[in-house]
């Protein structure tokens, strides 16, 4: 008999956090929304995870990856695979940085399709919970993400313009 994947859980170590993110990415069919301090420790430069995000973006013309961070300065150096996705799918990947009024927020949010979520309670700790097919909690986090999105500005572009 095949082992069934759990539909919800908690995590309290970095490997558990990264596993929850993998569950969310694999469950996503249309959109992933991410709010974090700087994505440090989330493992977004992992080749397998990058390929999973690439497959999501190729699944549909309207599929999206929206990211809001407090700090985007080190992203180009620390996350080259994510930067490649931004270049390859410039119409579908957006990376914003929070404005001053949102800088006091400290919990990480990832929501996919308004039904799946990963919620890290504080940026400094790998503790939180996750759920698949949990629209009641995912919708609440999606509303928070949209408020944060409104309090952010575009930060990184697919190309660098110069003179």
N, C-alpha and C. Protein backbone atom coordinates (compact mmCIF):
# COMPACT_ATOMS: atom_id res chain seq x y z
N UNK A 1 0.84 -1.17 0.00
CA UNK A 1 0.00 0.00 0.00
C UNK A 1 0.89 1.24 0.00
N UNK A 2 0.54 2.22 -0.82
CA UNK A 2 1.32 3.45 -0.94
C UNK A 2 1.13 4.31 0.30
N UNK A 3 2.21 4.97 0.71
CA UNK A 3 2.14 5.87 1.85
C UNK A 3 1.47 7.17 1.44
N UNK A 4 0.52 7.62 2.23
CA UNK A 4 -0.22 8.83 1.91
C UNK A 4 0.52 10.06 2.43
N UNK A 5 0.57 11.11 1.63
CA UNK A 5 1.19 12.35 2.04
C UNK A 5 0.25 13.07 3.00
N UNK A 6 0.77 13.53 4.14
CA UNK A 6 -0.11 14.26 5.07
C UNK A 6 -0.58 15.55 4.44
N UNK A 7 -1.71 16.06 4.90
CA UNK A 7 -2.27 17.28 4.32
C UNK A 7 -2.02 18.51 5.20
N UNK A 8 -1.44 18.32 6.37
CA UNK A 8 -1.13 19.44 7.25
C UNK A 8 -0.10 18.99 8.27
N UNK A 9 0.59 19.96 8.82
CA UNK A 9 1.57 19.62 9.83
C UNK A 9 2.24 20.85 10.39
N UNK A 10 3.19 20.59 11.26
CA UNK A 10 4.00 21.66 11.84
C UNK A 10 5.46 21.36 11.55
N UNK A 11 6.29 22.37 11.72
CA UNK A 11 7.73 22.18 11.58
C UNK A 11 8.43 23.04 12.62
N UNK A 12 9.62 22.59 13.03
CA UNK A 12 10.38 23.35 14.01
C UNK A 12 11.89 23.28 13.77
N UNK A 13 12.27 22.79 12.61
CA UNK A 13 13.68 22.75 12.20
C UNK A 13 13.75 23.19 10.74
N UNK A 14 14.91 23.69 10.29
CA UNK A 14 15.03 24.16 8.91
C UNK A 14 14.65 23.11 7.86
N UNK A 15 15.02 21.86 8.07
CA UNK A 15 14.68 20.83 7.08
C UNK A 15 13.17 20.61 7.00
N UNK A 16 12.47 20.74 8.12
CA UNK A 16 11.01 20.64 8.11
C UNK A 16 10.37 21.80 7.37
N UNK A 17 10.94 22.98 7.54
CA UNK A 17 10.46 24.17 6.84
C UNK A 17 10.61 23.99 5.33
N UNK A 18 11.79 23.54 4.91
CA UNK A 18 12.03 23.33 3.47
C UNK A 18 11.13 22.23 2.91
N UNK A 19 10.87 21.19 3.69
CA UNK A 19 9.97 20.12 3.25
C UNK A 19 8.54 20.66 3.06
N UNK A 20 8.09 21.51 3.97
CA UNK A 20 6.76 22.12 3.85
C UNK A 20 6.67 22.96 2.58
N UNK A 21 7.73 23.71 2.28
CA UNK A 21 7.77 24.51 1.06
C UNK A 21 7.66 23.61 -0.17
N UNK A 22 8.38 22.48 -0.15
CA UNK A 22 8.31 21.54 -1.27
C UNK A 22 6.89 21.01 -1.47
N UNK A 23 6.21 20.67 -0.38
CA UNK A 23 4.81 20.22 -0.47
C UNK A 23 3.96 21.29 -1.15
N UNK A 24 4.12 22.54 -0.73
CA UNK A 24 3.33 23.64 -1.29
C UNK A 24 3.61 23.81 -2.78
N UNK A 25 4.87 23.82 -3.18
CA UNK A 25 5.20 24.02 -4.59
C UNK A 25 4.64 22.90 -5.44
N UNK A 26 4.76 21.67 -4.98
CA UNK A 26 4.24 20.54 -5.76
C UNK A 26 2.72 20.55 -5.86
N UNK A 27 2.04 21.12 -4.86
CA UNK A 27 0.57 21.19 -4.89
C UNK A 27 0.06 22.34 -5.75
N UNK A 28 0.88 23.35 -5.97
CA UNK A 28 0.45 24.56 -6.70
C UNK A 28 0.12 24.24 -8.15
N UNK A 29 -0.92 24.89 -8.67
CA UNK A 29 -1.32 24.74 -10.06
C UNK A 29 -1.40 26.06 -10.81
N UNK A 30 -1.51 27.20 -10.08
CA UNK A 30 -1.68 28.50 -10.76
C UNK A 30 -0.79 29.60 -10.22
N UNK A 31 -0.71 29.72 -8.90
CA UNK A 31 -0.03 30.89 -8.33
C UNK A 31 0.60 30.55 -6.99
N UNK A 32 1.79 31.10 -6.77
CA UNK A 32 2.43 31.03 -5.46
C UNK A 32 2.75 32.46 -5.05
N UNK A 33 2.36 32.81 -3.83
CA UNK A 33 2.63 34.12 -3.25
C UNK A 33 3.52 33.92 -2.03
N UNK A 34 4.61 34.68 -1.95
CA UNK A 34 5.58 34.51 -0.89
C UNK A 34 5.88 35.86 -0.25
N UNK A 35 5.86 35.89 1.09
CA UNK A 35 6.35 37.04 1.84
C UNK A 35 7.39 36.53 2.82
N UNK A 36 8.58 37.16 2.80
CA UNK A 36 9.66 36.73 3.68
C UNK A 36 10.60 37.91 3.89
N UNK A 37 11.50 37.75 4.84
CA UNK A 37 12.49 38.81 5.05
C UNK A 37 13.44 38.88 3.86
N UNK A 38 14.07 37.73 3.50
CA UNK A 38 15.03 37.73 2.40
C UNK A 38 15.21 36.36 1.74
N UNK A 39 14.36 35.41 2.07
CA UNK A 39 14.38 34.03 1.57
C UNK A 39 15.55 33.20 2.11
N UNK A 40 16.35 33.77 3.01
CA UNK A 40 17.47 33.02 3.56
C UNK A 40 16.95 31.79 4.32
N UNK A 41 17.54 30.66 4.04
CA UNK A 41 17.16 29.42 4.70
C UNK A 41 15.99 28.69 4.07
N UNK A 42 15.36 29.32 3.08
CA UNK A 42 14.20 28.68 2.43
C UNK A 42 14.62 27.74 1.31
N UNK A 43 15.85 27.83 0.85
CA UNK A 43 16.34 26.90 -0.16
C UNK A 43 15.84 27.13 -1.57
N UNK A 44 15.59 28.37 -1.94
CA UNK A 44 15.05 28.62 -3.28
C UNK A 44 16.10 28.51 -4.39
N UNK A 45 17.36 28.30 -4.02
CA UNK A 45 18.36 28.08 -5.06
C UNK A 45 18.62 26.59 -5.31
N UNK A 46 17.86 25.75 -4.65
CA UNK A 46 17.98 24.31 -4.87
C UNK A 46 17.55 23.97 -6.30
N UNK A 47 18.34 23.18 -7.04
CA UNK A 47 17.99 22.88 -8.44
C UNK A 47 16.64 22.17 -8.60
N UNK A 48 16.31 21.27 -7.70
CA UNK A 48 15.03 20.54 -7.79
C UNK A 48 13.87 21.51 -7.57
N UNK A 49 13.98 22.36 -6.57
CA UNK A 49 12.92 23.32 -6.28
C UNK A 49 12.78 24.33 -7.43
N UNK A 50 13.89 24.77 -7.96
CA UNK A 50 13.86 25.70 -9.09
C UNK A 50 13.16 25.07 -10.29
N UNK A 51 13.45 23.82 -10.55
CA UNK A 51 12.79 23.12 -11.66
C UNK A 51 11.29 22.97 -11.40
N UNK A 52 10.90 22.71 -10.15
CA UNK A 52 9.47 22.60 -9.81
C UNK A 52 8.76 23.94 -10.06
N UNK A 53 9.41 25.04 -9.70
CA UNK A 53 8.83 26.36 -9.97
C UNK A 53 8.75 26.62 -11.47
N UNK A 54 9.77 26.23 -12.19
CA UNK A 54 9.77 26.38 -13.64
C UNK A 54 8.60 25.62 -14.27
N UNK A 55 8.39 24.38 -13.82
CA UNK A 55 7.27 23.58 -14.34
C UNK A 55 5.94 24.25 -14.05
N UNK A 56 5.79 24.81 -12.85
CA UNK A 56 4.56 25.53 -12.52
C UNK A 56 4.33 26.67 -13.49
N UNK A 57 5.37 27.45 -13.75
CA UNK A 57 5.23 28.60 -14.65
C UNK A 57 4.96 28.19 -16.08
N UNK A 58 5.42 27.00 -16.47
CA UNK A 58 5.16 26.50 -17.82
C UNK A 58 3.76 25.87 -17.96
N UNK A 59 3.11 25.55 -16.85
CA UNK A 59 1.80 24.87 -16.88
C UNK A 59 0.70 25.74 -17.45
N UNK A 60 0.85 27.05 -17.39
CA UNK A 60 -0.21 27.92 -17.90
C UNK A 60 0.29 29.33 -18.10
N UNK A 61 -0.19 29.96 -19.12
CA UNK A 61 0.22 31.32 -19.46
C UNK A 61 -0.08 32.32 -18.35
N UNK A 62 -1.12 32.06 -17.58
CA UNK A 62 -1.53 32.97 -16.51
C UNK A 62 -0.94 32.59 -15.15
N UNK A 63 -0.11 31.57 -15.08
CA UNK A 63 0.48 31.17 -13.80
C UNK A 63 1.46 32.24 -13.33
N UNK A 64 1.51 32.42 -12.00
CA UNK A 64 2.30 33.50 -11.42
C UNK A 64 3.08 33.06 -10.20
N UNK A 65 4.22 33.74 -10.00
CA UNK A 65 5.02 33.65 -8.79
C UNK A 65 5.25 35.08 -8.34
N UNK A 66 4.66 35.45 -7.20
CA UNK A 66 4.79 36.81 -6.66
C UNK A 66 5.51 36.72 -5.32
N UNK A 67 6.54 37.52 -5.17
CA UNK A 67 7.38 37.49 -3.98
C UNK A 67 7.52 38.90 -3.43
N UNK A 68 7.34 39.05 -2.12
CA UNK A 68 7.59 40.31 -1.43
C UNK A 68 8.60 40.03 -0.32
N UNK A 69 9.67 40.82 -0.31
CA UNK A 69 10.73 40.65 0.69
C UNK A 69 10.99 41.98 1.39
N UNK A 70 11.47 41.90 2.62
CA UNK A 70 11.93 43.11 3.29
C UNK A 70 13.25 43.57 2.69
N UNK A 71 14.08 42.61 2.27
CA UNK A 71 15.42 42.93 1.79
C UNK A 71 15.73 42.12 0.53
N UNK A 72 15.88 42.80 -0.59
CA UNK A 72 16.18 42.12 -1.86
C UNK A 72 17.63 42.29 -2.29
N UNK A 73 18.43 43.00 -1.51
CA UNK A 73 19.79 43.37 -1.93
C UNK A 73 20.66 42.16 -2.26
N UNK A 74 20.59 41.11 -1.46
CA UNK A 74 21.47 39.95 -1.68
C UNK A 74 20.85 38.87 -2.56
N UNK A 75 19.63 39.06 -2.96
CA UNK A 75 18.93 38.04 -3.75
C UNK A 75 19.66 37.67 -5.04
N UNK A 76 20.13 38.63 -5.83
CA UNK A 76 20.82 38.26 -7.08
C UNK A 76 22.06 37.37 -6.85
N UNK A 77 22.77 37.58 -5.75
CA UNK A 77 23.96 36.75 -5.47
C UNK A 77 23.62 35.42 -4.84
N UNK A 78 22.63 35.40 -3.97
CA UNK A 78 22.30 34.18 -3.22
C UNK A 78 21.31 33.26 -3.91
N UNK A 79 20.54 33.78 -4.84
CA UNK A 79 19.49 33.00 -5.48
C UNK A 79 19.58 33.09 -7.00
N UNK A 80 20.68 32.67 -7.61
CA UNK A 80 20.81 32.82 -9.07
C UNK A 80 19.76 32.04 -9.86
N UNK A 81 19.31 30.91 -9.35
CA UNK A 81 18.27 30.15 -10.07
C UNK A 81 16.94 30.90 -10.06
N UNK A 82 16.63 31.52 -8.95
CA UNK A 82 15.42 32.34 -8.89
C UNK A 82 15.53 33.53 -9.84
N UNK A 83 16.71 34.11 -9.91
CA UNK A 83 16.94 35.22 -10.85
C UNK A 83 16.80 34.75 -12.30
N UNK A 84 17.22 33.53 -12.58
CA UNK A 84 17.03 32.98 -13.93
C UNK A 84 15.55 32.82 -14.24
N UNK A 85 14.75 32.38 -13.26
CA UNK A 85 13.30 32.28 -13.48
C UNK A 85 12.71 33.66 -13.75
N UNK A 86 13.18 34.67 -13.02
CA UNK A 86 12.71 36.04 -13.24
C UNK A 86 13.01 36.49 -14.67
N UNK A 87 14.21 36.17 -15.17
CA UNK A 87 14.56 36.54 -16.54
C UNK A 87 13.76 35.74 -17.57
N UNK A 88 13.65 34.43 -17.33
CA UNK A 88 12.97 33.56 -18.30
C UNK A 88 11.46 33.80 -18.34
N UNK A 89 10.87 34.12 -17.19
CA UNK A 89 9.42 34.29 -17.09
C UNK A 89 9.11 35.70 -16.56
N UNK A 90 9.66 36.71 -17.21
CA UNK A 90 9.49 38.09 -16.72
C UNK A 90 8.02 38.51 -16.67
N UNK A 91 7.19 37.90 -17.48
CA UNK A 91 5.76 38.22 -17.47
C UNK A 91 5.03 37.57 -16.28
N UNK A 92 5.66 36.58 -15.64
CA UNK A 92 4.96 35.79 -14.64
C UNK A 92 5.58 35.86 -13.24
N UNK A 93 6.81 36.32 -13.13
CA UNK A 93 7.50 36.39 -11.85
C UNK A 93 7.69 37.85 -11.46
N UNK A 94 7.25 38.21 -10.27
CA UNK A 94 7.39 39.57 -9.75
C UNK A 94 8.04 39.51 -8.38
N UNK A 95 9.03 40.36 -8.17
CA UNK A 95 9.70 40.45 -6.88
C UNK A 95 9.61 41.89 -6.40
N UNK A 96 8.96 42.07 -5.26
CA UNK A 96 8.76 43.39 -4.67
C UNK A 96 9.52 43.49 -3.35
N UNK A 97 9.69 44.72 -2.90
CA UNK A 97 10.28 44.98 -1.59
C UNK A 97 9.29 45.80 -0.78
N UNK A 98 9.18 45.51 0.51
CA UNK A 98 8.21 46.19 1.35
C UNK A 98 8.56 47.67 1.53
N UNK A 99 7.52 48.45 1.67
CA UNK A 99 7.66 49.86 2.03
C UNK A 99 7.76 49.94 3.55
N UNK A 100 8.04 51.10 4.04
CA UNK A 100 8.27 51.31 5.48
C UNK A 100 7.14 50.78 6.36
N UNK A 101 5.89 51.00 5.98
CA UNK A 101 4.76 50.61 6.85
C UNK A 101 4.63 49.10 7.03
N UNK A 102 5.23 48.32 6.17
CA UNK A 102 5.15 46.86 6.30
C UNK A 102 6.41 46.25 6.91
N UNK A 103 7.41 47.05 7.23
CA UNK A 103 8.69 46.53 7.75
C UNK A 103 8.58 45.91 9.13
N UNK A 104 7.53 46.19 9.87
CA UNK A 104 7.37 45.64 11.22
C UNK A 104 6.85 44.20 11.21
N UNK A 105 6.42 43.71 10.06
CA UNK A 105 5.90 42.34 9.98
C UNK A 105 7.06 41.36 10.04
N UNK A 106 6.88 40.25 10.73
CA UNK A 106 7.98 39.34 10.99
C UNK A 106 7.67 37.87 10.75
N UNK A 107 6.49 37.56 10.24
CA UNK A 107 6.17 36.15 9.98
C UNK A 107 6.17 35.88 8.48
N UNK A 108 6.71 34.73 8.11
CA UNK A 108 6.79 34.36 6.71
C UNK A 108 5.51 33.71 6.22
N UNK A 109 5.10 34.04 5.01
CA UNK A 109 3.86 33.53 4.43
C UNK A 109 4.14 32.99 3.03
N UNK A 110 3.62 31.80 2.75
CA UNK A 110 3.60 31.27 1.39
C UNK A 110 2.22 30.68 1.18
N UNK A 111 1.60 31.09 0.08
CA UNK A 111 0.25 30.61 -0.24
C UNK A 111 0.22 30.21 -1.70
N UNK A 112 -0.38 29.06 -1.98
CA UNK A 112 -0.54 28.60 -3.35
C UNK A 112 -2.01 28.40 -3.65
N UNK A 113 -2.46 29.01 -4.72
CA UNK A 113 -3.82 28.82 -5.24
C UNK A 113 -4.91 29.12 -4.21
N UNK A 114 -4.61 29.84 -3.17
CA UNK A 114 -5.59 30.14 -2.14
C UNK A 114 -6.06 28.93 -1.37
N UNK A 115 -5.33 27.81 -1.49
CA UNK A 115 -5.75 26.58 -0.82
C UNK A 115 -4.64 25.91 -0.01
N UNK A 116 -3.39 26.22 -0.31
CA UNK A 116 -2.25 25.59 0.34
C UNK A 116 -1.41 26.68 0.98
N UNK A 117 -0.79 26.38 2.13
CA UNK A 117 -0.02 27.43 2.80
C UNK A 117 1.16 26.86 3.58
N UNK A 118 2.14 27.73 3.80
CA UNK A 118 3.23 27.53 4.76
C UNK A 118 3.30 28.83 5.54
N UNK A 119 3.21 28.74 6.85
CA UNK A 119 3.23 29.94 7.70
C UNK A 119 4.33 29.77 8.74
N UNK A 120 5.39 30.54 8.57
CA UNK A 120 6.48 30.54 9.56
C UNK A 120 6.19 31.65 10.55
N UNK A 121 6.22 31.33 11.84
CA UNK A 121 5.77 32.26 12.86
C UNK A 121 6.69 33.47 13.04
N UNK A 122 7.98 33.31 12.78
CA UNK A 122 8.93 34.42 12.90
C UNK A 122 10.11 34.15 11.98
N UNK A 123 10.60 35.18 11.32
CA UNK A 123 11.71 35.03 10.39
C UNK A 123 12.95 34.39 11.03
N UNK A 124 13.15 34.63 12.31
CA UNK A 124 14.35 34.14 12.97
C UNK A 124 14.29 32.68 13.39
N UNK A 125 13.16 32.03 13.20
CA UNK A 125 13.01 30.65 13.67
C UNK A 125 12.32 29.79 12.60
N UNK A 126 12.75 28.56 12.49
CA UNK A 126 12.13 27.63 11.53
C UNK A 126 10.98 26.90 12.22
N UNK A 127 10.04 27.65 12.76
CA UNK A 127 8.86 27.08 13.40
C UNK A 127 7.62 27.60 12.69
N UNK A 128 6.68 26.69 12.46
CA UNK A 128 5.44 27.12 11.85
C UNK A 128 4.54 25.95 11.54
N UNK A 129 3.62 26.20 10.63
CA UNK A 129 2.68 25.15 10.22
C UNK A 129 2.43 25.26 8.73
N UNK A 130 1.93 24.18 8.17
CA UNK A 130 1.64 24.15 6.75
C UNK A 130 0.37 23.33 6.54
N UNK A 131 -0.26 23.53 5.38
CA UNK A 131 -1.46 22.77 5.06
C UNK A 131 -1.71 22.73 3.56
N UNK A 132 -2.18 21.60 3.11
CA UNK A 132 -2.60 21.42 1.72
C UNK A 132 -4.12 21.25 1.73
N UNK A 133 -4.76 21.85 0.75
CA UNK A 133 -6.24 21.81 0.69
C UNK A 133 -6.84 22.28 2.02
N UNK A 134 -6.33 23.39 2.49
CA UNK A 134 -6.81 24.03 3.72
C UNK A 134 -7.21 25.47 3.39
N UNK A 135 -8.25 25.65 2.55
CA UNK A 135 -8.57 26.99 2.06
C UNK A 135 -8.95 27.99 3.15
N UNK A 136 -9.51 27.55 4.27
CA UNK A 136 -9.91 28.51 5.30
C UNK A 136 -8.70 29.26 5.85
N UNK A 137 -7.63 28.57 6.15
CA UNK A 137 -6.44 29.24 6.66
C UNK A 137 -5.64 29.88 5.52
N UNK A 138 -5.58 29.22 4.38
CA UNK A 138 -4.84 29.75 3.23
C UNK A 138 -5.45 31.07 2.77
N UNK A 139 -6.76 31.20 2.75
CA UNK A 139 -7.40 32.45 2.32
C UNK A 139 -7.09 33.60 3.27
N UNK A 140 -7.04 33.31 4.56
CA UNK A 140 -6.68 34.33 5.55
C UNK A 140 -5.25 34.83 5.29
N UNK A 141 -4.33 33.92 5.04
CA UNK A 141 -2.95 34.31 4.75
C UNK A 141 -2.84 35.01 3.39
N UNK A 142 -3.65 34.61 2.44
CA UNK A 142 -3.64 35.27 1.13
C UNK A 142 -4.10 36.71 1.25
N UNK A 143 -5.10 36.97 2.08
CA UNK A 143 -5.56 38.35 2.31
C UNK A 143 -4.42 39.19 2.91
N UNK A 144 -3.70 38.61 3.88
CA UNK A 144 -2.56 39.31 4.47
C UNK A 144 -1.49 39.57 3.42
N UNK A 145 -1.22 38.56 2.58
CA UNK A 145 -0.23 38.75 1.52
C UNK A 145 -0.63 39.91 0.62
N UNK A 146 -1.90 39.97 0.22
CA UNK A 146 -2.37 41.04 -0.67
C UNK A 146 -2.19 42.42 -0.02
N UNK A 147 -2.41 42.52 1.29
CA UNK A 147 -2.18 43.78 1.98
C UNK A 147 -0.70 44.15 1.95
N UNK A 148 0.16 43.15 2.15
CA UNK A 148 1.61 43.38 2.10
C UNK A 148 2.01 43.76 0.67
N UNK A 149 1.44 43.09 -0.32
CA UNK A 149 1.73 43.40 -1.72
C UNK A 149 1.42 44.87 -2.01
N UNK A 150 0.28 45.34 -1.47
CA UNK A 150 -0.10 46.74 -1.68
C UNK A 150 0.87 47.70 -1.00
N UNK A 151 1.54 47.24 0.06
CA UNK A 151 2.50 48.07 0.79
C UNK A 151 3.93 47.75 0.33
N UNK A 152 4.09 47.43 -0.94
CA UNK A 152 5.41 47.11 -1.48
C UNK A 152 5.58 47.78 -2.83
N UNK A 153 6.79 47.73 -3.34
CA UNK A 153 7.08 48.31 -4.65
C UNK A 153 7.97 47.34 -5.43
N UNK A 154 7.91 47.37 -6.75
CA UNK A 154 8.78 46.50 -7.55
C UNK A 154 10.25 46.75 -7.17
N UNK A 155 11.00 45.67 -7.04
CA UNK A 155 12.38 45.80 -6.58
C UNK A 155 13.40 45.27 -7.58
N UNK A 156 13.11 44.15 -8.20
CA UNK A 156 14.05 43.55 -9.14
C UNK A 156 13.37 43.35 -10.48
N UNK A 157 14.09 43.65 -11.51
CA UNK A 157 13.57 43.47 -12.88
C UNK A 157 14.33 42.35 -13.56
N UNK A 158 13.76 41.86 -14.64
CA UNK A 158 14.38 40.76 -15.38
C UNK A 158 15.66 41.19 -16.06
N UNK A 159 15.78 42.45 -16.40
CA UNK A 159 16.99 42.95 -17.05
C UNK A 159 17.51 44.17 -16.30
N UNK A 160 18.77 44.42 -16.46
CA UNK A 160 19.37 45.60 -15.86
C UNK A 160 19.54 46.63 -16.96
N UNK A 161 18.97 47.81 -16.74
CA UNK A 161 19.09 48.89 -17.72
C UNK A 161 20.26 49.79 -17.34
N UNK A 162 20.96 50.22 -18.30
CA UNK A 162 22.10 51.11 -18.03
C UNK A 162 22.31 52.04 -19.20
N UNK A 163 23.23 52.94 -19.04
CA UNK A 163 23.54 53.90 -20.10
C UNK A 163 24.72 53.43 -20.91
